[in-house]
N, C-alpha and C. Protein backbone atom coordinates (compact mmCIF):
# COMPACT_ATOMS: atom_id res chain seq x y z
N UNK A 1 0.82 -1.17 0.00
CA UNK A 1 0.00 0.00 0.00
C UNK A 1 0.87 1.24 0.00
N UNK A 2 0.52 2.23 -0.81
CA UNK A 2 1.24 3.49 -0.83
C UNK A 2 0.26 4.58 -0.44
N UNK A 3 0.24 4.98 0.83
CA UNK A 3 -0.73 5.99 1.25
C UNK A 3 -0.39 7.37 0.73
N UNK A 4 -1.43 8.15 0.43
CA UNK A 4 -1.24 9.56 0.11
C UNK A 4 -0.80 10.26 1.39
N UNK A 5 0.09 11.24 1.31
CA UNK A 5 0.53 11.92 2.53
C UNK A 5 -0.64 12.40 3.37
N UNK A 6 -0.50 12.26 4.67
CA UNK A 6 -1.59 12.54 5.60
C UNK A 6 -2.15 13.95 5.46
N UNK A 7 -1.29 14.96 5.19
CA UNK A 7 -1.79 16.33 5.11
C UNK A 7 -2.82 16.50 4.00
N UNK A 8 -2.79 15.67 2.99
CA UNK A 8 -3.76 15.73 1.91
C UNK A 8 -5.04 14.99 2.27
N UNK A 9 -5.04 14.30 3.40
CA UNK A 9 -6.09 13.35 3.68
C UNK A 9 -6.40 13.27 5.18
N UNK A 10 -6.13 14.31 5.92
CA UNK A 10 -6.12 14.23 7.38
C UNK A 10 -7.50 14.02 8.01
N UNK A 11 -8.57 14.31 7.32
CA UNK A 11 -9.89 14.18 7.93
C UNK A 11 -10.52 12.82 7.74
N UNK A 12 -9.93 11.97 6.94
CA UNK A 12 -10.55 10.67 6.67
C UNK A 12 -9.96 9.57 7.53
N UNK A 13 -10.81 8.66 7.97
CA UNK A 13 -10.35 7.51 8.73
C UNK A 13 -9.68 6.50 7.80
N UNK A 14 -10.16 6.39 6.58
CA UNK A 14 -9.63 5.44 5.62
C UNK A 14 -8.98 6.19 4.47
N UNK A 15 -7.66 6.17 4.40
CA UNK A 15 -6.95 6.96 3.40
C UNK A 15 -7.12 6.45 1.98
N UNK A 16 -6.79 7.32 1.06
CA UNK A 16 -6.75 6.98 -0.36
C UNK A 16 -5.40 6.34 -0.62
N UNK A 17 -5.41 5.17 -1.25
CA UNK A 17 -4.18 4.44 -1.53
C UNK A 17 -4.21 3.92 -2.97
N UNK A 18 -3.06 3.46 -3.43
CA UNK A 18 -2.98 2.84 -4.74
C UNK A 18 -3.58 1.44 -4.65
N UNK A 19 -4.66 1.20 -5.39
CA UNK A 19 -5.37 -0.09 -5.35
C UNK A 19 -5.20 -0.84 -6.67
N UNK A 20 -5.30 -2.13 -6.60
CA UNK A 20 -5.20 -2.99 -7.77
C UNK A 20 -6.47 -2.90 -8.62
N UNK A 21 -7.63 -2.93 -7.98
CA UNK A 21 -8.96 -2.79 -8.61
C UNK A 21 -9.40 -3.96 -9.48
N UNK A 22 -8.72 -5.08 -9.38
CA UNK A 22 -9.13 -6.28 -10.13
C UNK A 22 -8.69 -7.52 -9.37
N UNK A 23 -9.06 -7.58 -8.09
CA UNK A 23 -8.61 -8.67 -7.20
C UNK A 23 -9.45 -9.92 -7.44
N UNK A 24 -9.17 -10.60 -8.52
CA UNK A 24 -9.88 -11.84 -8.81
C UNK A 24 -8.87 -12.97 -8.93
N UNK A 25 -9.37 -14.19 -8.94
CA UNK A 25 -8.51 -15.37 -8.79
C UNK A 25 -7.41 -15.49 -9.84
N UNK A 26 -7.59 -14.97 -11.00
CA UNK A 26 -6.56 -15.08 -12.04
C UNK A 26 -5.43 -14.07 -11.84
N UNK A 27 -5.60 -13.11 -10.96
CA UNK A 27 -4.59 -12.08 -10.73
C UNK A 27 -3.88 -12.22 -9.39
N UNK A 28 -4.30 -13.18 -8.58
CA UNK A 28 -3.66 -13.46 -7.29
C UNK A 28 -3.07 -14.86 -7.37
N UNK A 29 -1.77 -14.93 -7.53
CA UNK A 29 -1.11 -16.22 -7.76
C UNK A 29 -0.38 -16.65 -6.50
N UNK A 30 -0.64 -17.88 -6.07
CA UNK A 30 -0.03 -18.43 -4.87
C UNK A 30 1.07 -19.41 -5.26
N UNK A 31 2.18 -19.36 -4.56
CA UNK A 31 3.29 -20.29 -4.80
C UNK A 31 2.85 -21.70 -4.39
N UNK A 32 3.07 -22.66 -5.24
CA UNK A 32 2.64 -24.03 -4.99
C UNK A 32 3.27 -24.62 -3.72
N UNK A 33 4.52 -24.30 -3.45
CA UNK A 33 5.21 -24.86 -2.30
C UNK A 33 5.00 -24.09 -1.01
N UNK A 34 4.51 -22.84 -1.09
CA UNK A 34 4.33 -22.01 0.10
C UNK A 34 3.13 -21.11 -0.10
N UNK A 35 1.98 -21.47 0.48
CA UNK A 35 0.76 -20.71 0.24
C UNK A 35 0.77 -19.33 0.90
N UNK A 36 1.85 -18.98 1.61
CA UNK A 36 1.98 -17.64 2.17
C UNK A 36 2.64 -16.70 1.18
N UNK A 37 3.17 -17.23 0.10
CA UNK A 37 3.84 -16.44 -0.91
C UNK A 37 2.86 -16.16 -2.06
N UNK A 38 2.48 -14.92 -2.22
CA UNK A 38 1.48 -14.54 -3.23
C UNK A 38 2.07 -13.51 -4.18
N UNK A 39 1.80 -13.68 -5.45
CA UNK A 39 2.21 -12.74 -6.48
C UNK A 39 0.95 -12.11 -7.06
N UNK A 40 0.91 -10.80 -7.11
CA UNK A 40 -0.22 -10.08 -7.67
C UNK A 40 0.20 -9.57 -9.05
N UNK A 41 -0.62 -9.86 -10.07
CA UNK A 41 -0.31 -9.45 -11.44
C UNK A 41 -1.47 -8.64 -12.02
N UNK A 42 -1.27 -8.09 -13.23
CA UNK A 42 -2.31 -7.43 -14.02
C UNK A 42 -2.81 -6.15 -13.35
N UNK A 43 -2.02 -5.12 -13.46
CA UNK A 43 -2.33 -3.83 -12.82
C UNK A 43 -3.01 -2.84 -13.77
N UNK A 44 -3.63 -3.30 -14.85
CA UNK A 44 -4.20 -2.36 -15.82
C UNK A 44 -5.31 -1.48 -15.26
N UNK A 45 -6.01 -1.93 -14.20
CA UNK A 45 -7.09 -1.14 -13.60
C UNK A 45 -6.64 -0.40 -12.34
N UNK A 46 -5.36 -0.45 -12.00
CA UNK A 46 -4.86 0.16 -10.78
C UNK A 46 -5.17 1.66 -10.76
N UNK A 47 -5.43 2.16 -9.57
CA UNK A 47 -5.71 3.59 -9.41
C UNK A 47 -5.86 3.94 -7.94
N UNK A 48 -6.05 5.22 -7.67
CA UNK A 48 -6.18 5.72 -6.30
C UNK A 48 -7.63 5.61 -5.85
N UNK A 49 -7.83 4.88 -4.75
CA UNK A 49 -9.17 4.66 -4.19
C UNK A 49 -9.08 4.60 -2.67
N UNK A 50 -10.23 4.62 -2.00
CA UNK A 50 -10.21 4.36 -0.56
C UNK A 50 -9.57 3.00 -0.31
N UNK A 51 -8.84 2.87 0.79
CA UNK A 51 -8.05 1.67 1.01
C UNK A 51 -8.86 0.38 1.04
N UNK A 52 -10.14 0.45 1.27
CA UNK A 52 -10.96 -0.75 1.34
C UNK A 52 -11.44 -1.23 -0.04
N UNK A 53 -11.10 -0.51 -1.09
CA UNK A 53 -11.59 -0.87 -2.43
C UNK A 53 -11.18 -2.28 -2.84
N UNK A 54 -9.93 -2.64 -2.64
CA UNK A 54 -9.48 -3.97 -3.06
C UNK A 54 -10.15 -5.08 -2.26
N UNK A 55 -10.37 -4.85 -0.98
CA UNK A 55 -11.03 -5.90 -0.18
C UNK A 55 -12.49 -6.03 -0.61
N UNK A 56 -13.14 -4.91 -0.91
CA UNK A 56 -14.53 -4.96 -1.38
C UNK A 56 -14.60 -5.66 -2.74
N UNK A 57 -13.65 -5.36 -3.61
CA UNK A 57 -13.60 -6.00 -4.92
C UNK A 57 -13.37 -7.50 -4.79
N UNK A 58 -12.48 -7.89 -3.89
CA UNK A 58 -12.20 -9.31 -3.67
C UNK A 58 -13.45 -10.05 -3.19
N UNK A 59 -14.17 -9.46 -2.24
CA UNK A 59 -15.40 -10.08 -1.72
C UNK A 59 -16.40 -10.27 -2.86
N UNK A 60 -16.53 -9.27 -3.71
CA UNK A 60 -17.43 -9.35 -4.86
C UNK A 60 -16.97 -10.42 -5.86
N UNK A 61 -15.67 -10.49 -6.11
CA UNK A 61 -15.15 -11.41 -7.11
C UNK A 61 -15.20 -12.87 -6.66
N UNK A 62 -15.44 -13.14 -5.38
CA UNK A 62 -15.52 -14.53 -4.90
C UNK A 62 -16.61 -15.33 -5.60
N UNK A 63 -17.61 -14.65 -6.11
CA UNK A 63 -18.70 -15.38 -6.75
C UNK A 63 -18.66 -15.29 -8.28
N UNK A 64 -17.59 -14.69 -8.82
CA UNK A 64 -17.48 -14.50 -10.26
C UNK A 64 -16.42 -15.42 -10.84
N UNK A 65 -16.75 -16.12 -11.90
CA UNK A 65 -15.79 -16.97 -12.59
C UNK A 65 -15.41 -16.27 -13.89
N UNK A 66 -14.19 -15.76 -13.96
CA UNK A 66 -13.73 -15.01 -15.13
C UNK A 66 -13.32 -15.90 -16.28
N UNK A 67 -13.12 -17.17 -16.03
CA UNK A 67 -12.68 -18.08 -17.08
C UNK A 67 -13.83 -18.94 -17.62
N UNK A 68 -15.06 -18.53 -17.36
CA UNK A 68 -16.23 -19.28 -17.83
C UNK A 68 -16.22 -19.32 -19.36
N UNK A 69 -16.23 -20.50 -19.99
CA UNK A 69 -16.01 -20.60 -21.43
C UNK A 69 -17.25 -20.33 -22.31
N UNK A 70 -18.38 -20.00 -21.73
CA UNK A 70 -19.60 -19.84 -22.52
C UNK A 70 -20.11 -18.41 -22.48
N UNK A 71 -20.97 -18.09 -23.41
CA UNK A 71 -21.65 -16.80 -23.50
C UNK A 71 -20.67 -15.64 -23.39
N UNK A 72 -20.84 -14.80 -22.36
CA UNK A 72 -20.03 -13.60 -22.27
C UNK A 72 -18.69 -13.81 -21.58
N UNK A 73 -18.33 -15.04 -21.26
CA UNK A 73 -17.05 -15.33 -20.66
C UNK A 73 -17.00 -15.26 -19.15
N UNK A 74 -18.11 -14.91 -18.53
CA UNK A 74 -18.15 -14.91 -17.06
C UNK A 74 -19.40 -15.65 -16.59
N UNK A 75 -19.35 -16.11 -15.38
CA UNK A 75 -20.51 -16.74 -14.77
C UNK A 75 -20.52 -16.40 -13.29
N UNK A 76 -21.69 -16.20 -12.74
CA UNK A 76 -21.82 -15.87 -11.33
C UNK A 76 -22.22 -17.12 -10.55
N UNK A 77 -21.55 -17.37 -9.44
CA UNK A 77 -21.85 -18.49 -8.56
C UNK A 77 -22.27 -17.93 -7.21
N UNK A 78 -23.56 -17.70 -7.05
CA UNK A 78 -24.08 -17.08 -5.85
C UNK A 78 -23.78 -17.91 -4.60
N UNK A 79 -23.63 -19.21 -4.76
CA UNK A 79 -23.29 -20.07 -3.61
C UNK A 79 -21.90 -19.77 -3.05
N UNK A 80 -21.06 -19.10 -3.84
CA UNK A 80 -19.71 -18.77 -3.39
C UNK A 80 -19.63 -17.45 -2.61
N UNK A 81 -20.73 -16.76 -2.45
CA UNK A 81 -20.71 -15.50 -1.71
C UNK A 81 -20.19 -15.76 -0.30
N UNK A 82 -19.29 -14.90 0.15
CA UNK A 82 -18.76 -15.06 1.51
C UNK A 82 -19.86 -14.86 2.53
N UNK A 83 -19.81 -15.65 3.58
CA UNK A 83 -20.75 -15.48 4.70
C UNK A 83 -20.41 -14.18 5.42
N UNK A 84 -21.42 -13.55 6.07
CA UNK A 84 -21.14 -12.30 6.80
C UNK A 84 -19.98 -12.43 7.79
N UNK A 85 -19.87 -13.57 8.44
CA UNK A 85 -18.78 -13.78 9.40
C UNK A 85 -17.42 -13.78 8.70
N UNK A 86 -17.37 -14.34 7.47
CA UNK A 86 -16.12 -14.36 6.71
C UNK A 86 -15.72 -12.95 6.28
N UNK A 87 -16.70 -12.18 5.82
CA UNK A 87 -16.43 -10.79 5.43
C UNK A 87 -15.95 -10.00 6.64
N UNK A 88 -16.61 -10.18 7.77
CA UNK A 88 -16.24 -9.49 9.00
C UNK A 88 -14.82 -9.84 9.42
N UNK A 89 -14.49 -11.11 9.43
CA UNK A 89 -13.16 -11.56 9.84
C UNK A 89 -12.08 -11.03 8.88
N UNK A 90 -12.33 -11.12 7.59
CA UNK A 90 -11.39 -10.64 6.57
C UNK A 90 -11.18 -9.13 6.70
N UNK A 91 -12.26 -8.40 6.88
CA UNK A 91 -12.19 -6.94 7.00
C UNK A 91 -11.43 -6.51 8.24
N UNK A 92 -11.71 -7.16 9.36
CA UNK A 92 -11.01 -6.83 10.60
C UNK A 92 -9.52 -7.12 10.49
N UNK A 93 -9.16 -8.25 9.91
CA UNK A 93 -7.75 -8.59 9.75
C UNK A 93 -7.06 -7.57 8.84
N UNK A 94 -7.73 -7.17 7.78
CA UNK A 94 -7.19 -6.18 6.85
C UNK A 94 -6.94 -4.85 7.56
N UNK A 95 -7.94 -4.38 8.30
CA UNK A 95 -7.82 -3.09 8.99
C UNK A 95 -6.78 -3.13 10.10
N UNK A 96 -6.71 -4.23 10.82
CA UNK A 96 -5.73 -4.34 11.89
C UNK A 96 -4.32 -4.33 11.31
N UNK A 97 -4.12 -5.05 10.22
CA UNK A 97 -2.82 -5.06 9.55
C UNK A 97 -2.46 -3.67 9.04
N UNK A 98 -3.43 -2.99 8.44
CA UNK A 98 -3.17 -1.61 7.98
C UNK A 98 -2.75 -0.73 9.15
N UNK A 99 -3.50 -0.77 10.23
CA UNK A 99 -3.23 0.07 11.38
C UNK A 99 -1.82 -0.17 11.92
N UNK A 100 -1.46 -1.44 12.07
CA UNK A 100 -0.15 -1.78 12.65
C UNK A 100 1.02 -1.42 11.73
N UNK A 101 0.85 -1.62 10.41
CA UNK A 101 1.97 -1.45 9.49
C UNK A 101 2.03 -0.08 8.81
N UNK A 102 0.89 0.54 8.55
CA UNK A 102 0.91 1.71 7.68
C UNK A 102 0.33 2.99 8.27
N UNK A 103 -0.45 2.91 9.32
CA UNK A 103 -1.03 4.12 9.89
C UNK A 103 0.08 5.02 10.42
N UNK A 104 -0.07 6.32 10.19
CA UNK A 104 0.92 7.26 10.70
C UNK A 104 0.80 7.36 12.22
N UNK A 105 1.84 7.89 12.84
CA UNK A 105 1.82 8.03 14.30
C UNK A 105 0.67 8.92 14.77
N UNK A 106 0.36 9.97 14.02
CA UNK A 106 -0.76 10.83 14.44
C UNK A 106 -2.10 10.10 14.38
N UNK A 107 -2.26 9.23 13.40
CA UNK A 107 -3.49 8.43 13.33
C UNK A 107 -3.52 7.45 14.49
N UNK A 108 -2.41 6.80 14.77
CA UNK A 108 -2.35 5.87 15.90
C UNK A 108 -2.66 6.57 17.21
N UNK A 109 -2.16 7.80 17.37
CA UNK A 109 -2.43 8.56 18.59
C UNK A 109 -3.92 8.88 18.73
N UNK A 110 -4.59 9.18 17.61
CA UNK A 110 -6.04 9.46 17.66
C UNK A 110 -6.82 8.28 18.20
N UNK A 111 -6.30 7.09 18.01
CA UNK A 111 -6.97 5.86 18.48
C UNK A 111 -6.22 5.24 19.64
N UNK A 112 -5.46 6.05 20.36
CA UNK A 112 -4.71 5.62 21.55
C UNK A 112 -3.82 4.41 21.26
N UNK A 113 -3.36 4.28 20.03
CA UNK A 113 -2.49 3.16 19.66
C UNK A 113 -3.20 1.81 19.66
N UNK A 114 -4.52 1.83 19.72
CA UNK A 114 -5.31 0.60 19.82
C UNK A 114 -5.97 0.28 18.48
N UNK A 115 -5.51 -0.78 17.82
CA UNK A 115 -6.10 -1.15 16.54
C UNK A 115 -7.56 -1.54 16.67
N UNK A 116 -7.95 -2.09 17.80
CA UNK A 116 -9.35 -2.49 18.00
C UNK A 116 -10.27 -1.26 18.00
N UNK A 117 -9.79 -0.14 18.56
CA UNK A 117 -10.58 1.09 18.55
C UNK A 117 -10.69 1.65 17.14
N UNK A 118 -9.61 1.51 16.35
CA UNK A 118 -9.58 1.95 14.96
C UNK A 118 -10.59 1.18 14.13
N UNK A 119 -10.66 -0.13 14.38
CA UNK A 119 -11.54 -1.01 13.62
C UNK A 119 -12.96 -0.75 14.00
């Protein structure tokens, strides 16, 4: 994540960052020998958005098959929609990681250094 400098964005809780904007299964590649090693490819839709854009896009793309060989090349699988608990857990982990790794000291001070308060 590359956050915009805080002075340009000081009133928002969720900063504008460089987002991938196409977080679907064909663009997130996992190493066969180590599933913690991920390569992100295909940045043609990248742009500046609120930091939650990629996570929202990923949640949406969970039910979309981009390699569907018929009709318009995509198919929706409503059964693959993440459960509310999964979305909640994923979102909290994302925000906690952001707070710990990327939030500026002034943002951390606003939340007393507590990621749970930030979330």
